[in-house]
Amino acid sequence: MFLLLVTSAFGAPLSGSMSVNQTSDTAAKAKSEATNIARKQILFNVLSQYTDKTALNGLLQDTSNDDLMNLIVSSTVANEHISATAYSANITMIIDNDAVKRWLSANNIQNWVPAAESAEKFTALIVISNGIADWADLKRITRDANVEIETQSITGNQIVVKMPLNYRTKFTAAVREAGWKYSDNEGILHIWK
């Protein structure tokens, strides 16, 4: 029995969960086989959203389990049950976005896997002349663009926010398309309507 849950967001680590139930000659062998099956299935289900499914499936079949382990940041196991010849558990794996992008590109498979979120942040000063309506519009823009903003301060009609640096281009494109203006003032992005 397999149950799969896939989660992702722009810039966030990709992850998936799966229930496995495997039998083999020994419990250790069943556990190893179940983990390998889960890894391939989670990678396929998560990454098939970002690349050609047929090419991805072929690459997964041609890649060793040891090499596939390098694409996983961490794994967690819940509800584990072991008998003499069987193994069952719920396995969750977090995928290394950057390692996956390199692996797919090295194998000439075009992909749209989002880059991992940068720890570096940039500051934006937003001037809202129409009060809550402008702020609501900006929040809608960021939500539609999957950009997470962190409000630092609100003073009158000025709001200071921080965002991951790798979102800057996507964010400026989204606000420009929505009719906002922007300029860069010594590294601080100024936004107004």
C-alpha atoms as a PDB file:
ATOM      1  CA  MET A   1       0.000   0.000   0.000  1.00  0.00           C
ATOM      2  CA  PHE A   2       1.364   3.404  -0.973  1.00  0.00           C
ATOM      3  CA  LEU A   3       0.117   6.830   0.074  1.00  0.00           C
ATOM      4  CA  LEU A   4       1.922   9.875  -1.217  1.00  0.00           C
ATOM      5  CA  LEU A   5       1.774  13.502  -0.110  1.00  0.00           C
ATOM      6  CA  VAL A   6       3.701  16.156  -2.012  1.00  0.00           C
ATOM      7  CA  THR A   7       4.309  19.705  -0.846  1.00  0.00           C
ATOM      8  CA  SER A   8       6.164  22.559  -2.450  1.00  0.00           C
ATOM      9  CA  ALA A   9       6.305  26.310  -2.774  1.00  0.00           C
ATOM     10  CA  PHE A  10       8.501  28.748  -4.620  1.00  0.00           C
ATOM     11  CA  GLY A  11      11.875  28.824  -2.908  1.00  0.00           C
ATOM     12  CA  ALA A  12      10.879  26.332  -0.237  1.00  0.00           C
ATOM     13  CA  PRO A  13      12.421  22.884  -0.023  1.00  0.00           C
ATOM     14  CA  LEU A  14      10.430  20.284  -1.916  1.00  0.00           C
ATOM     15  CA  SER A  15       9.168  17.319   0.090  1.00  0.00           C
ATOM     16  CA  GLY A  16       6.975  14.273  -0.128  1.00  0.00           C
ATOM     17  CA  SER A  17       5.627  11.535   2.119  1.00  0.00           C
ATOM     18  CA  MET A  18       4.785   7.951   1.388  1.00  0.00           C
ATOM     19  CA  SER A  19       3.494   4.889   3.230  1.00  0.00           C
ATOM     20  CA  VAL A  20       5.431   1.725   2.435  1.00  0.00           C
ATOM     21  CA  ASN A  21       4.825  -1.939   3.170  1.00  0.00           C
ATOM     22  CA  GLN A  22       7.554  -4.307   1.951  1.00  0.00           C
ATOM     23  CA  THR A  23       8.403  -7.957   2.546  1.00  0.00           C
ATOM     24  CA  SER A  24      11.686  -9.706   1.776  1.00  0.00           C
ATOM     25  CA  ASP A  25      14.031 -12.420   3.080  1.00  0.00           C
ATOM     26  CA  THR A  26      14.895 -10.370   6.176  1.00  0.00           C
ATOM     27  CA  ALA A  27      13.555  -7.292   7.914  1.00  0.00           C
ATOM     28  CA  ALA A  28      16.754  -5.363   7.099  1.00  0.00           C
ATOM     29  CA  LYS A  29      16.431  -6.172   3.397  1.00  0.00           C
ATOM     30  CA  ALA A  30      12.713  -5.255   3.443  1.00  0.00           C
ATOM     31  CA  LYS A  31      13.555  -1.908   5.081  1.00  0.00           C
ATOM     32  CA  SER A  32      16.283  -1.149   2.542  1.00  0.00           C
ATOM     33  CA  GLU A  33      13.994  -2.040  -0.387  1.00  0.00           C
ATOM     34  CA  ALA A  34      11.113   0.007   1.059  1.00  0.00           C
ATOM     35  CA  THR A  35      13.356   3.044   1.533  1.00  0.00           C
ATOM     36  CA  ASN A  36      14.678   2.781  -2.035  1.00  0.00           C
ATOM     37  CA  ILE A  37      11.140   2.441  -3.433  1.00  0.00           C
ATOM     38  CA  ALA A  38       9.948   5.421  -1.387  1.00  0.00           C
ATOM     39  CA  ARG A  39      12.905   7.572  -2.491  1.00  0.00           C
ATOM     40  CA  LYS A  40      12.323   6.910  -6.208  1.00  0.00           C
ATOM     41  CA  GLN A  41       8.555   7.362  -5.941  1.00  0.00           C
ATOM     42  CA  ILE A  42       8.797  10.580  -3.912  1.00  0.00           C
ATOM     43  CA  LEU A  43      11.393  12.010  -6.304  1.00  0.00           C
ATOM     44  CA  PHE A  44       9.229  11.083  -9.300  1.00  0.00           C
ATOM     45  CA  ASN A  45       5.996  12.495  -7.868  1.00  0.00           C
ATOM     46  CA  VAL A  46       7.553  15.731  -6.647  1.00  0.00           C
ATOM     47  CA  LEU A  47       9.836  16.407  -9.624  1.00  0.00           C
ATOM     48  CA  SER A  48       7.323  15.412 -12.321  1.00  0.00           C
ATOM     49  CA  GLN A  49       5.638  18.769 -11.628  1.00  0.00           C
ATOM     50  CA  TYR A  50       8.806  20.511 -12.852  1.00  0.00           C
ATOM     51  CA  THR A  51      10.046  18.433 -15.806  1.00  0.00           C
ATOM     52  CA  ASP A  52       9.112  15.884 -18.470  1.00  0.00           C
ATOM     53  CA  LYS A  53       7.736  12.777 -16.709  1.00  0.00           C
ATOM     54  CA  THR A  54       9.039  10.270 -19.248  1.00  0.00           C
ATOM     55  CA  ALA A  55      12.596  11.634 -19.197  1.00  0.00           C
ATOM     56  CA  LEU A  56      12.515  11.841 -15.394  1.00  0.00           C
ATOM     57  CA  ASN A  57      11.285   8.259 -15.029  1.00  0.00           C
ATOM     58  CA  GLY A  58      14.064   6.987 -17.319  1.00  0.00           C
ATOM     59  CA  LEU A  59      16.707   8.910 -15.381  1.00  0.00           C
ATOM     60  CA  LEU A  60      15.405   7.610 -12.044  1.00  0.00           C
ATOM     61  CA  GLN A  61      15.618   4.028 -13.330  1.00  0.00           C
ATOM     62  CA  ASP A  62      19.178   4.596 -14.633  1.00  0.00           C
ATOM     63  CA  THR A  63      20.471   6.269 -11.433  1.00  0.00           C
ATOM     64  CA  SER A  64      21.802   4.166  -8.562  1.00  0.00           C
ATOM     65  CA  ASN A  65      20.137   4.287  -5.161  1.00  0.00           C
ATOM     66  CA  ASP A  66      23.395   5.642  -3.706  1.00  0.00           C
ATOM     67  CA  ASP A  67      23.347   8.571  -6.161  1.00  0.00           C
ATOM     68  CA  LEU A  68      19.655   9.222  -5.487  1.00  0.00           C
ATOM     69  CA  MET A  69      20.429   9.485  -1.757  1.00  0.00           C
ATOM     70  CA  ASN A  70      22.520  12.578  -2.596  1.00  0.00           C
ATOM     71  CA  LEU A  71      19.330  14.328  -3.748  1.00  0.00           C
ATOM     72  CA  ILE A  72      17.680  14.002  -0.326  1.00  0.00           C
ATOM     73  CA  VAL A  73      18.410  16.479   2.477  1.00  0.00           C
ATOM     74  CA  SER A  74      16.695  14.492   5.214  1.00  0.00           C
ATOM     75  CA  SER A  75      14.261  11.657   5.870  1.00  0.00           C
ATOM     76  CA  THR A  76      11.929  10.991   8.743  1.00  0.00           C
ATOM     77  CA  VAL A  77      10.130   7.770   9.578  1.00  0.00           C
ATOM     78  CA  ALA A  78       6.866   7.428  11.494  1.00  0.00           C
ATOM     79  CA  ASN A  79       4.665   4.473  12.441  1.00  0.00           C
ATOM     80  CA  GLU A  80       7.447   2.017  11.782  1.00  0.00           C
ATOM     81  CA  HIS A  81       6.604  -1.699  12.099  1.00  0.00           C
ATOM     82  CA  ILE A  82       9.187  -4.445  11.675  1.00  0.00           C
ATOM     83  CA  SER A  83       8.742  -8.221  11.687  1.00  0.00           C
ATOM     84  CA  ALA A  84      11.110 -11.036  10.707  1.00  0.00           C
ATOM     85  CA  THR A  85      10.529 -10.506   6.975  1.00  0.00           C
ATOM     86  CA  ALA A  86       8.446  -7.312   6.662  1.00  0.00           C
ATOM     87  CA  TYR A  87       8.788  -3.595   7.063  1.00  0.00           C
ATOM     88  CA  SER A  88       6.172  -0.844   6.988  1.00  0.00           C
ATOM     89  CA  ALA A  89       6.360   2.858   7.783  1.00  0.00           C
ATOM     90  CA  ASN A  90       5.414   6.371   6.750  1.00  0.00           C
ATOM     91  CA  ILE A  91       8.493   7.978   5.193  1.00  0.00           C
ATOM     92  CA  THR A  92       8.910  11.712   4.562  1.00  0.00           C
ATOM     93  CA  MET A  93      11.816  13.055   2.519  1.00  0.00           C
ATOM     94  CA  ILE A  94      12.979  16.620   1.979  1.00  0.00           C
ATOM     95  CA  ILE A  95      14.608  17.102  -1.412  1.00  0.00           C
ATOM     96  CA  ASP A  96      17.712  19.204  -2.061  1.00  0.00           C
ATOM     97  CA  ASN A  97      16.413  21.642  -4.712  1.00  0.00           C
ATOM     98  CA  ASP A  98      19.877  22.705  -5.877  1.00  0.00           C
ATOM     99  CA  ALA A  99      21.259  19.149  -6.085  1.00  0.00           C
ATOM    100  CA  VAL A 100      18.206  18.080  -8.089  1.00  0.00           C
ATOM    101  CA  LYS A 101      18.597  21.026 -10.505  1.00  0.00           C
ATOM    102  CA  ARG A 102      22.271  20.107 -11.057  1.00  0.00           C
ATOM    103  CA  TRP A 103      21.422  16.397 -11.510  1.00  0.00           C
ATOM    104  CA  LEU A 104      18.669  17.072 -14.047  1.00  0.00           C
ATOM    105  CA  SER A 105      20.759  19.630 -15.946  1.00  0.00           C
ATOM    106  CA  ALA A 106      23.796  17.320 -16.025  1.00  0.00           C
ATOM    107  CA  ASN A 107      21.555  14.722 -17.667  1.00  0.00           C
ATOM    108  CA  ASN A 108      20.203  17.234 -20.211  1.00  0.00           C
ATOM    109  CA  ILE A 109      16.691  17.268 -18.761  1.00  0.00           C
ATOM    110  CA  GLN A 110      15.061  20.689 -18.887  1.00  0.00           C
ATOM    111  CA  ASN A 111      13.434  21.564 -15.569  1.00  0.00           C
ATOM    112  CA  TRP A 112      11.722  24.299 -13.610  1.00  0.00           C
ATOM    113  CA  VAL A 113      12.681  23.158 -10.115  1.00  0.00           C
ATOM    114  CA  PRO A 114      12.606  26.267  -7.903  1.00  0.00           C
ATOM    115  CA  ALA A 115      15.899  27.410  -6.443  1.00  0.00           C
ATOM    116  CA  ALA A 116      16.266  26.958  -2.707  1.00  0.00           C
ATOM    117  CA  GLU A 117      15.356  30.013  -0.692  1.00  0.00           C
ATOM    118  CA  SER A 118      18.293  32.267   0.000  1.00  0.00           C
ATOM    119  CA  ALA A 119      19.134  33.163   3.572  1.00  0.00           C
ATOM    120  CA  GLU A 120      20.165  36.610   2.315  1.00  0.00           C
ATOM    121  CA  LYS A 121      17.417  39.213   2.327  1.00  0.00           C
ATOM    122  CA  PHE A 122      16.812  42.541   0.656  1.00  0.00           C
ATOM    123  CA  THR A 123      14.890  45.503   2.054  1.00  0.00           C
ATOM    124  CA  ALA A 124      11.998  47.236   0.324  1.00  0.00           C
ATOM    125  CA  LEU A 125      10.374  50.521   1.323  1.00  0.00           C
ATOM    126  CA  ILE A 126       6.746  50.564   0.205  1.00  0.00           C
ATOM    127  CA  VAL A 127       4.728  53.783   0.079  1.00  0.00           C
ATOM    128  CA  ILE A 128       0.980  53.191   0.164  1.00  0.00           C
ATOM    129  CA  SER A 129      -0.941  56.300  -0.806  1.00  0.00           C
ATOM    130  CA  ASN A 130      -4.327  54.571  -0.762  1.00  0.00           C
ATOM    131  CA  GLY A 131      -3.938  52.967   2.671  1.00  0.00           C
ATOM    132  CA  ILE A 132      -5.291  49.495   3.238  1.00  0.00           C
ATOM    133  CA  ALA A 133      -6.419  49.113  -0.407  1.00  0.00           C
ATOM    134  CA  ASP A 134      -2.796  49.475  -1.639  1.00  0.00           C
ATOM    135  CA  TRP A 135      -1.515  47.136   1.076  1.00  0.00           C
ATOM    136  CA  ALA A 136      -4.166  44.546   0.178  1.00  0.00           C
ATOM    137  CA  ASP A 137      -3.211  44.884  -3.506  1.00  0.00           C
ATOM    138  CA  LEU A 138       0.458  44.377  -2.680  1.00  0.00           C
ATOM    139  CA  LYS A 139      -0.313  41.344  -0.490  1.00  0.00           C
ATOM    140  CA  ARG A 140      -2.352  39.867  -3.360  1.00  0.00           C
ATOM    141  CA  ILE A 141       0.559  40.446  -5.752  1.00  0.00           C
ATOM    142  CA  THR A 142       3.036  38.740  -3.432  1.00  0.00           C
ATOM    143  CA  ARG A 143       0.659  35.862  -2.758  1.00  0.00           C
ATOM    144  CA  ASP A 144       0.082  35.338  -6.509  1.00  0.00           C
ATOM    145  CA  ALA A 145       3.846  35.432  -7.114  1.00  0.00           C
ATOM    146  CA  ASN A 146       4.494  33.090  -4.150  1.00  0.00           C
ATOM    147  CA  VAL A 147       6.720  35.715  -2.541  1.00  0.00           C
ATOM    148  CA  GLU A 148       6.940  35.678   1.232  1.00  0.00           C
ATOM    149  CA  ILE A 149       7.329  39.148   2.736  1.00  0.00           C
ATOM    150  CA  GLU A 150       8.415  39.901   6.272  1.00  0.00           C
ATOM    151  CA  THR A 151       7.054  43.208   7.603  1.00  0.00           C
ATOM    152  CA  GLN A 152       9.721  45.101   9.558  1.00  0.00           C
ATOM    153  CA  SER A 153       7.895  48.339  10.378  1.00  0.00           C
ATOM    154  CA  ILE A 154       4.904  50.501   9.477  1.00  0.00           C
ATOM    155  CA  THR A 155       5.201  54.264   9.863  1.00  0.00           C
ATOM    156  CA  GLY A 156       2.359  56.339   8.459  1.00  0.00           C
ATOM    157  CA  ASN A 157       2.063  55.419   4.797  1.00  0.00           C
ATOM    158  CA  GLN A 158       5.482  53.726   4.641  1.00  0.00           C
ATOM    159  CA  ILE A 159       6.049  50.026   5.187  1.00  0.00           C
ATOM    160  CA  VAL A 160       9.495  48.454   5.399  1.00  0.00           C
ATOM    161  CA  VAL A 161       9.638  44.775   4.426  1.00  0.00           C
ATOM    162  CA  LYS A 162      12.340  42.157   3.914  1.00  0.00           C
ATOM    163  CA  MET A 163      12.288  39.339   1.379  1.00  0.00           C
ATOM    164  CA  PRO A 164      14.703  36.604   0.323  1.00  0.00           C
ATOM    165  CA  LEU A 165      17.209  38.014  -2.158  1.00  0.00           C
ATOM    166  CA  ASN A 166      16.452  35.400  -4.804  1.00  0.00           C
ATOM    167  CA  TYR A 167      12.815  36.689  -4.922  1.00  0.00           C
ATOM    168  CA  ARG A 168      13.810  40.238  -5.906  1.00  0.00           C
ATOM    169  CA  THR A 169      13.517  39.810  -9.682  1.00  0.00           C
ATOM    170  CA  LYS A 170      10.240  37.911  -9.468  1.00  0.00           C
ATOM    171  CA  PHE A 171       8.815  40.427  -7.001  1.00  0.00           C
ATOM    172  CA  THR A 172       9.754  43.507  -9.056  1.00  0.00           C
ATOM    173  CA  ALA A 173       8.276  41.923 -12.202  1.00  0.00           C
ATOM    174  CA  ALA A 174       5.029  41.173 -10.338  1.00  0.00           C
ATOM    175  CA  VAL A 175       4.618  44.699  -8.923  1.00  0.00           C
ATOM    176  CA  ARG A 176       5.480  46.295 -12.295  1.00  0.00           C
ATOM    177  CA  GLU A 177       2.815  44.167 -14.028  1.00  0.00           C
ATOM    178  CA  ALA A 178       0.277  45.308 -11.401  1.00  0.00           C
ATOM    179  CA  GLY A 179       0.948  48.999 -12.132  1.00  0.00           C
ATOM    180  CA  TRP A 180       3.324  49.806  -9.278  1.00  0.00           C
ATOM    181  CA  LYS A 181       6.520  51.812  -9.822  1.00  0.00           C
ATOM    182  CA  TYR A 182       9.887  51.012  -8.291  1.00  0.00           C
ATOM    183  CA  SER A 183      13.459  52.221  -8.093  1.00  0.00           C
ATOM    184  CA  ASP A 184      16.634  51.029  -6.445  1.00  0.00           C
ATOM    185  CA  ASN A 185      18.163  53.466  -3.966  1.00  0.00           C
ATOM    186  CA  GLU A 186      21.537  52.113  -2.784  1.00  0.00           C
ATOM    187  CA  GLY A 187      20.255  48.551  -2.507  1.00  0.00           C
ATOM    188  CA  ILE A 188      16.885  49.415  -0.971  1.00  0.00           C
ATOM    189  CA  LEU A 189      13.983  48.814  -3.320  1.00  0.00           C
ATOM    190  CA  HIS A 190      11.459  51.694  -3.243  1.00  0.00           C
ATOM    191  CA  ILE A 191       7.920  50.823  -4.353  1.00  0.00           C
ATOM    192  CA  TRP A 192       4.979  53.189  -4.842  1.00  0.00           C
ATOM    193  CA  LYS A 193       1.804  53.499  -6.866  1.00  0.00           C
END
